[in-house]
Amino acid sequence: MISIVIPALNEQDEIGRTVTRVREVLSGSGIGAYEVVVVDDGSHDETRVRAESAGARVVRHPHNVGYGRSLKDGISAARYDTIIINDADGTYPCEAIPALLARYKIEQAKRECGLPTVPSTIALEKTTNPFLRLLEPDIVKAIHAHSGLAVSTASASFEALRNWKNTF
């Protein structure tokens, strides 16, 4: 069972296609139960309406609070133990979700056996901004300190992680 979390801000042109494609891929992959959670970060367009029409559950911020807070709220709203973070505008191929999930499960099994692991991330970076690249290690530490999330990048990422709130 997995939750797909998609932060979105003014993505009306792409969010419907992205949610639909995610649902098609997951329905045809044999993964089992899943949900798509879109966090509408104060959009001024039809992002929420189009995400809901495509079958997503939408968490809405009344105004823009940022990507990090959107991730945190989406993860908090997730119902399942495994979370995949995806992008709203189709930057990352939805067809790669089953492979990412398989890689995540292998790393999770290794971790449970005490073997060395690597982050379950497909490293498709969206930004080439040198300022963000310089600050990224500090941003990642701040995200971890604030939210407890183990993330590998502060820029938009296509990532799988464990929803620890459901384990205790």
Protein backbone atom coordinates (compact mmCIF):
# COMPACT_ATOMS: atom_id res chain seq x y z
CA MET A 1 0.00 0.00 0.00
CA ILE A 2 1.45 3.32 -1.03
CA SER A 3 0.63 7.01 -0.91
CA ILE A 4 1.74 9.23 -3.78
CA VAL A 5 2.28 12.79 -2.49
CA ILE A 6 2.30 15.55 -5.09
CA PRO A 7 2.92 19.17 -3.98
CA ALA A 8 1.37 21.61 -6.45
CA LEU A 9 1.24 25.37 -6.98
CA ASN A 10 -0.67 26.77 -9.95
CA GLU A 11 -0.36 23.53 -11.93
CA GLN A 12 -3.81 23.46 -13.55
CA ASP A 13 -2.37 22.67 -16.97
CA GLU A 14 -0.57 19.49 -15.85
CA ILE A 15 -1.99 18.21 -12.55
CA GLY A 16 -4.95 16.37 -14.09
CA ARG A 17 -2.71 14.53 -16.55
CA THR A 18 -0.17 13.73 -13.83
CA VAL A 19 -2.77 12.31 -11.42
CA THR A 20 -4.45 10.34 -14.21
CA ARG A 21 -1.11 8.90 -15.38
CA VAL A 22 -0.09 7.96 -11.81
CA ARG A 23 -3.42 6.17 -11.32
CA GLU A 24 -3.10 4.33 -14.66
CA VAL A 25 0.43 3.16 -13.86
CA LEU A 26 -0.46 2.03 -10.33
CA SER A 27 -3.70 0.33 -11.37
CA GLY A 28 -1.87 -1.65 -14.03
CA SER A 29 1.16 -2.56 -11.94
CA GLY A 30 -0.30 -4.94 -9.38
CA ILE A 31 1.01 -2.78 -6.52
CA GLY A 32 -2.28 -3.04 -4.63
CA ALA A 33 -3.97 -0.32 -2.62
CA TYR A 34 -2.79 3.22 -3.21
CA GLU A 35 -3.87 6.81 -2.89
CA VAL A 36 -2.85 10.03 -4.61
CA VAL A 37 -2.58 13.05 -2.30
CA VAL A 38 -2.14 16.44 -3.96
CA VAL A 39 -1.15 19.33 -1.72
CA ASP A 40 -2.49 22.51 -3.33
CA ASP A 41 -0.19 25.16 -1.91
CA GLY A 42 -2.49 28.17 -2.27
CA SER A 43 -2.96 28.00 -6.03
CA HIS A 44 -4.86 30.81 -7.75
CA ASP A 45 -6.01 28.61 -10.61
CA GLU A 46 -7.97 25.36 -10.95
CA THR A 47 -5.27 23.06 -9.57
CA ARG A 48 -7.50 21.72 -6.77
CA VAL A 49 -10.54 21.14 -9.01
CA ARG A 50 -8.53 19.37 -11.70
CA ALA A 51 -6.67 17.18 -9.20
CA GLU A 52 -9.94 16.13 -7.56
CA SER A 53 -11.55 15.49 -10.95
CA ALA A 54 -8.66 13.17 -11.82
CA GLY A 55 -9.19 11.18 -8.60
CA ALA A 56 -6.77 12.71 -6.10
CA ARG A 57 -7.48 13.58 -2.51
CA VAL A 58 -6.52 17.25 -2.10
CA VAL A 59 -5.06 18.95 0.95
CA ARG A 60 -5.44 22.70 0.45
CA HIS A 61 -3.36 25.53 1.89
CA PRO A 62 -5.25 28.85 1.93
CA HIS A 63 -2.07 30.61 0.79
CA ASN A 64 1.39 29.61 -0.40
CA VAL A 65 3.50 28.21 2.47
CA GLY A 66 6.24 26.58 0.40
CA TYR A 67 7.41 23.27 -0.98
CA GLY A 68 8.82 21.93 2.30
CA ARG A 69 5.61 22.56 4.25
CA SER A 70 3.59 21.08 1.39
CA LEU A 71 5.69 17.91 1.57
CA LYS A 72 5.27 17.71 5.33
CA ASP A 73 1.50 18.22 5.15
CA GLY A 74 1.15 15.69 2.32
CA ILE A 75 3.13 13.10 4.25
CA SER A 76 1.09 13.81 7.39
CA ALA A 77 -2.12 13.31 5.38
CA ALA A 78 -0.88 10.06 3.81
CA ARG A 79 -2.72 6.95 4.93
CA TYR A 80 -0.14 4.34 3.96
CA ASP A 81 3.31 3.30 5.19
CA THR A 82 5.18 3.81 1.94
CA ILE A 83 5.24 7.24 0.38
CA ILE A 84 6.36 8.24 -3.10
CA ILE A 85 6.98 11.93 -3.69
CA ASN A 86 6.30 13.01 -7.24
CA ASP A 87 6.16 16.31 -9.08
CA ALA A 88 2.95 17.94 -10.31
CA ASP A 89 4.13 18.97 -13.75
CA GLY A 90 5.20 15.60 -15.11
CA THR A 91 8.94 16.16 -14.62
CA TYR A 92 9.43 12.59 -13.44
CA PRO A 93 8.07 9.64 -15.42
CA CYS A 94 5.12 8.04 -13.66
CA GLU A 95 6.09 4.80 -15.41
CA ALA A 96 9.16 4.68 -13.13
CA ILE A 97 7.07 4.40 -9.94
CA PRO A 98 7.01 0.57 -9.89
CA ALA A 99 10.81 0.45 -10.37
CA LEU A 100 11.32 3.05 -7.64
CA LEU A 101 9.06 1.07 -5.32
CA ALA A 102 10.93 -2.17 -6.07
CA ARG A 103 14.25 -0.46 -5.36
CA TYR A 104 12.84 0.97 -2.13
CA LYS A 105 11.66 -2.48 -0.97
CA ILE A 106 15.12 -3.95 -1.63
CA GLU A 107 16.78 -1.17 0.38
CA GLN A 108 14.19 -1.54 3.16
CA ALA A 109 14.91 -5.29 3.39
CA LYS A 110 18.66 -4.62 3.50
CA ARG A 111 18.14 -2.05 6.26
CA GLU A 112 16.08 -4.52 8.30
CA CYS A 113 18.93 -7.05 7.98
CA GLY A 114 21.51 -4.48 9.06
CA LEU A 115 23.15 -4.24 5.64
CA PRO A 116 24.39 -0.95 4.14
CA THR A 117 21.75 0.88 2.10
CA VAL A 118 21.45 3.79 -0.30
CA PRO A 119 18.62 6.35 -0.46
CA SER A 120 15.66 5.11 -2.49
CA THR A 121 15.80 8.01 -4.88
CA ILE A 122 15.94 8.28 -8.60
CA ALA A 123 18.27 11.24 -8.95
CA LEU A 124 16.47 13.39 -11.49
CA GLU A 125 17.20 16.88 -10.31
CA LYS A 126 14.95 19.68 -11.52
CA THR A 127 17.12 22.65 -10.60
CA THR A 128 20.53 23.72 -11.78
CA ASN A 129 20.45 26.90 -9.71
CA PRO A 130 24.01 27.23 -8.30
CA PHE A 131 22.73 29.12 -5.24
CA LEU A 132 20.39 26.24 -4.31
CA ARG A 133 23.12 23.69 -4.98
CA LEU A 134 25.44 25.57 -2.59
CA LEU A 135 22.84 25.68 0.18
CA GLU A 136 21.28 22.28 -0.43
CA PRO A 137 23.16 20.35 2.33
CA ASP A 138 22.00 22.88 4.93
CA ILE A 139 18.46 22.87 3.57
CA VAL A 140 18.32 19.06 3.74
CA LYS A 141 19.53 19.17 7.37
CA ALA A 142 16.87 21.78 8.20
CA ILE A 143 14.12 19.70 6.59
CA HIS A 144 15.23 16.68 8.61
CA ALA A 145 15.49 18.65 11.87
CA HIS A 146 12.07 20.24 11.40
CA SER A 147 10.11 17.28 10.07
CA GLY A 148 12.09 14.17 10.96
CA LEU A 149 12.05 13.19 7.28
CA ALA A 150 15.15 11.59 5.79
CA VAL A 151 15.33 13.27 2.40
CA SER A 152 18.23 13.18 -0.02
CA THR A 153 17.63 16.46 -1.82
CA ALA A 154 15.96 19.76 -1.06
CA SER A 155 14.99 20.39 -4.66
CA ALA A 156 12.07 18.63 -6.28
CA SER A 157 12.66 14.91 -6.15
CA PHE A 158 11.16 11.60 -7.11
CA GLU A 159 11.57 9.65 -3.92
CA ALA A 160 10.24 6.75 -1.85
CA LEU A 161 10.30 6.82 1.93
CA ARG A 162 8.78 5.25 5.03
CA ASN A 163 5.84 6.93 6.74
CA TRP A 164 7.03 6.51 10.32
CA LYS A 165 3.85 7.91 11.88
CA ASN A 166 2.08 4.63 11.01
CA THR A 167 4.65 2.37 12.70
CA PHE A 168 4.14 3.24 16.35
